[in-house]
Amino acid sequence: MILLLFSFAGVNIFYQLTISTNWNDQILCLTIFMMCLEQAKMATVDFTNIRISKKYLRDPQLDNFLIITSITITMELLGFYLVSFSKDWSIAIILISLIFFNSFAKINILVLKIISIECSGIFQRIPVLTANYLGLGIMILKMFNFFPIIMSLILLNMTLVYITIKYSSNLLPNNINN
């Protein structure tokens, strides 16, 4: 179900990308589209991990994580659906939702051979929060017409770098000693 909500948003974002007449809007739509794909994957992973973990673990942190994840995804979807009305506010809301999640989600759920909950405090999330706040600051500068195309390109590049780092680390061997 959650994937369906992100899919409709993604189709709308892609449509906005194709009908946009200026570079700035096209760059923002491409950025938002990539964010939508990534957040759809993360929403699916998070909800799956929560569902699996709740079957085997009785931990109140899971309920907290579910609430925070649900609020975050609702905010993200709002941001993705707003793209038809304002690309600037769309990205701003998405970034605020990521700041919310990274500020209040205190655990990571690891579902491998065993299910474990890893406590993750605010200090472990400082690099991610820094990137989120930096992105929001750049978006605010863009909203005030401070070199809007350059700010849009910076946001696109930040998104590309994030996705590249995140998924290229999956290609690296888990144990260097092997």
Protein backbone atom coordinates (compact mmCIF):
# COMPACT_ATOMS: atom_id res chain seq x y z
CA MET A 1 0.00 0.00 0.00
CA ILE A 2 2.75 2.45 0.95
CA LEU A 3 4.55 1.75 -2.32
CA LEU A 4 1.36 2.64 -4.19
CA LEU A 5 1.21 6.06 -2.50
CA PHE A 6 4.82 6.75 -3.43
CA SER A 7 4.19 5.44 -6.97
CA PHE A 8 1.38 7.91 -7.61
CA ALA A 9 3.58 10.70 -6.27
CA GLY A 10 6.46 9.52 -8.46
CA VAL A 11 4.30 9.51 -11.59
CA ASN A 12 3.13 13.05 -10.82
CA ILE A 13 6.70 14.21 -10.21
CA PHE A 14 7.85 12.64 -13.47
CA TYR A 15 4.93 14.32 -15.26
CA GLN A 16 5.97 17.67 -13.76
CA LEU A 17 9.51 17.00 -14.99
CA THR A 18 8.28 16.46 -18.55
CA ILE A 19 6.05 19.56 -18.66
CA SER A 20 8.45 21.96 -16.94
CA THR A 21 9.67 24.64 -19.30
CA ASN A 22 12.70 25.97 -17.46
CA TRP A 23 15.92 24.38 -16.30
CA ASN A 24 15.41 25.27 -12.66
CA ASP A 25 12.07 23.43 -12.42
CA GLN A 26 13.45 20.46 -14.34
CA ILE A 27 16.45 20.17 -12.02
CA LEU A 28 14.21 20.37 -8.94
CA CYS A 29 11.78 17.80 -10.37
CA LEU A 30 14.65 15.42 -11.09
CA THR A 31 15.94 15.90 -7.53
CA ILE A 32 12.47 15.35 -6.04
CA PHE A 33 11.95 12.27 -8.25
CA MET A 34 15.19 10.69 -7.01
CA MET A 35 14.24 11.53 -3.42
CA CYS A 36 10.84 9.92 -3.97
CA LEU A 37 12.40 6.68 -5.23
CA GLU A 38 14.81 6.56 -2.28
CA GLN A 39 12.18 7.38 0.34
CA ALA A 40 9.76 4.83 -1.14
CA LYS A 41 12.44 2.17 -0.71
CA MET A 42 13.22 3.32 2.83
CA ALA A 43 9.52 3.40 3.81
CA THR A 44 9.08 -0.14 2.55
CA VAL A 45 12.20 -1.35 4.37
CA ASP A 46 11.28 0.42 7.62
CA PHE A 47 7.70 -0.86 7.69
CA THR A 48 8.81 -4.39 6.79
CA ASN A 49 11.47 -4.37 9.51
CA ILE A 50 8.98 -3.05 12.07
CA ARG A 51 6.41 -5.71 11.13
CA ILE A 52 8.96 -8.54 11.30
CA SER A 53 10.47 -7.26 14.55
CA LYS A 54 7.09 -6.93 16.28
CA LYS A 55 6.46 -10.64 15.62
CA TYR A 56 9.50 -11.66 17.64
CA LEU A 57 10.29 -8.80 20.00
CA ARG A 58 8.26 -7.00 22.64
CA ASP A 59 10.04 -3.69 22.80
CA PRO A 60 8.30 -0.34 23.39
CA GLN A 61 10.95 1.32 21.22
CA LEU A 62 9.33 -0.37 18.21
CA ASP A 63 6.04 1.44 18.85
CA ASN A 64 7.90 4.74 19.12
CA PHE A 65 9.81 4.02 15.92
CA LEU A 66 6.55 3.13 14.13
CA ILE A 67 4.97 6.44 15.15
CA ILE A 68 8.02 8.47 14.09
CA THR A 69 8.29 6.56 10.81
CA SER A 70 4.57 7.05 10.08
CA ILE A 71 4.72 10.80 10.75
CA THR A 72 7.85 11.11 8.61
CA ILE A 73 6.31 9.22 5.69
CA THR A 74 3.12 11.29 5.90
CA MET A 75 5.19 14.49 5.75
CA GLU A 76 7.28 13.12 2.87
CA LEU A 77 4.20 12.17 0.88
CA LEU A 78 2.76 15.63 1.48
CA GLY A 79 5.99 17.09 0.12
CA PHE A 80 6.00 14.78 -2.90
CA TYR A 81 2.38 15.56 -3.76
CA LEU A 82 2.97 19.32 -3.40
CA VAL A 83 5.35 19.27 -6.37
CA SER A 84 2.49 20.31 -8.68
CA PHE A 85 2.01 23.51 -6.71
CA SER A 86 5.47 24.46 -5.48
CA LYS A 87 8.69 22.59 -6.11
CA ASP A 88 10.49 24.75 -3.54
CA TRP A 89 8.04 23.98 -0.73
CA SER A 90 7.96 20.36 -1.84
CA ILE A 91 11.69 19.92 -1.20
CA ALA A 92 11.55 22.01 1.98
CA ILE A 93 8.84 19.78 3.48
CA ILE A 94 10.70 16.61 2.45
CA LEU A 95 13.90 17.88 4.08
CA ILE A 96 12.02 18.90 7.24
CA SER A 97 10.55 15.37 7.41
CA LEU A 98 14.05 13.89 7.15
CA ILE A 99 15.29 16.22 9.89
CA PHE A 100 12.33 15.14 12.03
CA PHE A 101 13.11 11.44 11.49
CA ASN A 102 16.84 11.77 12.09
CA SER A 103 16.23 13.85 15.22
CA PHE A 104 13.69 11.56 16.88
CA ALA A 105 14.27 8.00 15.63
CA LYS A 106 16.41 6.57 18.39
CA ILE A 107 16.88 3.07 17.00
CA ASN A 108 17.91 1.17 13.91
CA ILE A 109 16.27 -2.17 13.28
CA LEU A 110 18.62 -4.79 11.91
CA VAL A 111 16.93 -7.81 10.36
CA LEU A 112 19.56 -10.29 9.30
CA LYS A 113 19.80 -13.85 10.59
CA ILE A 114 18.64 -12.48 13.92
CA ILE A 115 16.54 -9.44 14.67
CA SER A 116 18.21 -6.78 16.74
CA ILE A 117 17.49 -3.23 17.77
CA GLU A 118 20.49 -0.95 17.73
CA CYS A 119 20.24 2.22 19.81
CA SER A 120 21.20 5.23 17.77
CA GLY A 121 21.53 8.52 19.57
CA ILE A 122 21.66 11.99 18.15
CA PHE A 123 25.47 11.96 18.04
CA GLN A 124 25.53 9.05 15.59
CA ARG A 125 23.17 11.01 13.35
CA ILE A 126 25.11 14.30 13.31
CA PRO A 127 26.55 13.75 9.78
CA VAL A 128 23.10 12.98 8.35
CA LEU A 129 21.46 15.85 10.24
CA THR A 130 24.19 18.20 9.03
CA ALA A 131 23.48 17.20 5.43
CA ASN A 132 19.71 17.61 6.02
CA TYR A 133 20.15 21.09 7.51
CA LEU A 134 22.60 22.06 4.77
CA GLY A 135 20.07 20.96 2.14
CA LEU A 136 17.32 22.93 3.86
CA GLY A 137 19.56 26.01 4.03
CA ILE A 138 20.35 25.72 0.33
CA MET A 139 16.64 25.34 -0.42
CA ILE A 140 15.85 28.47 1.60
CA LEU A 141 18.52 30.41 -0.33
CA LYS A 142 16.97 29.16 -3.56
CA MET A 143 13.50 30.24 -2.37
CA PHE A 144 14.87 33.76 -1.88
CA ASN A 145 16.21 33.70 -5.47
CA PHE A 146 19.84 33.54 -4.41
CA PHE A 147 21.38 31.99 -7.53
CA PRO A 148 18.38 29.64 -7.92
CA ILE A 149 19.81 27.43 -10.67
CA ILE A 150 23.09 26.98 -8.78
CA MET A 151 21.21 26.13 -5.57
CA SER A 152 19.05 23.63 -7.50
CA LEU A 153 22.17 22.02 -8.98
CA ILE A 154 23.75 21.79 -5.52
CA LEU A 155 20.63 20.03 -4.19
CA LEU A 156 20.67 17.64 -7.15
CA ASN A 157 24.35 16.88 -6.57
CA MET A 158 23.81 16.37 -2.83
CA THR A 159 21.06 13.87 -3.64
CA LEU A 160 23.25 12.07 -6.17
CA VAL A 161 26.18 11.91 -3.74
CA TYR A 162 23.93 10.58 -0.96
CA ILE A 163 22.45 7.85 -3.16
CA THR A 164 25.87 6.94 -4.58
CA ILE A 165 27.47 6.63 -1.14
CA LYS A 166 24.53 4.71 0.28
CA TYR A 167 24.28 2.13 -2.47
CA SER A 168 27.95 1.83 -3.39
CA SER A 169 28.66 0.76 0.19
CA ASN A 170 26.41 -2.25 -0.48
CA LEU A 171 28.79 -3.30 -3.24
CA LEU A 172 31.83 -3.35 -0.96
CA PRO A 173 32.73 -6.59 0.79
CA ASN A 174 31.53 -6.76 4.39
CA ASN A 175 34.81 -8.04 5.71
CA ILE A 176 38.07 -6.72 4.34
CA ASN A 177 40.02 -9.64 5.82
CA ASN A 178 38.26 -12.24 3.64
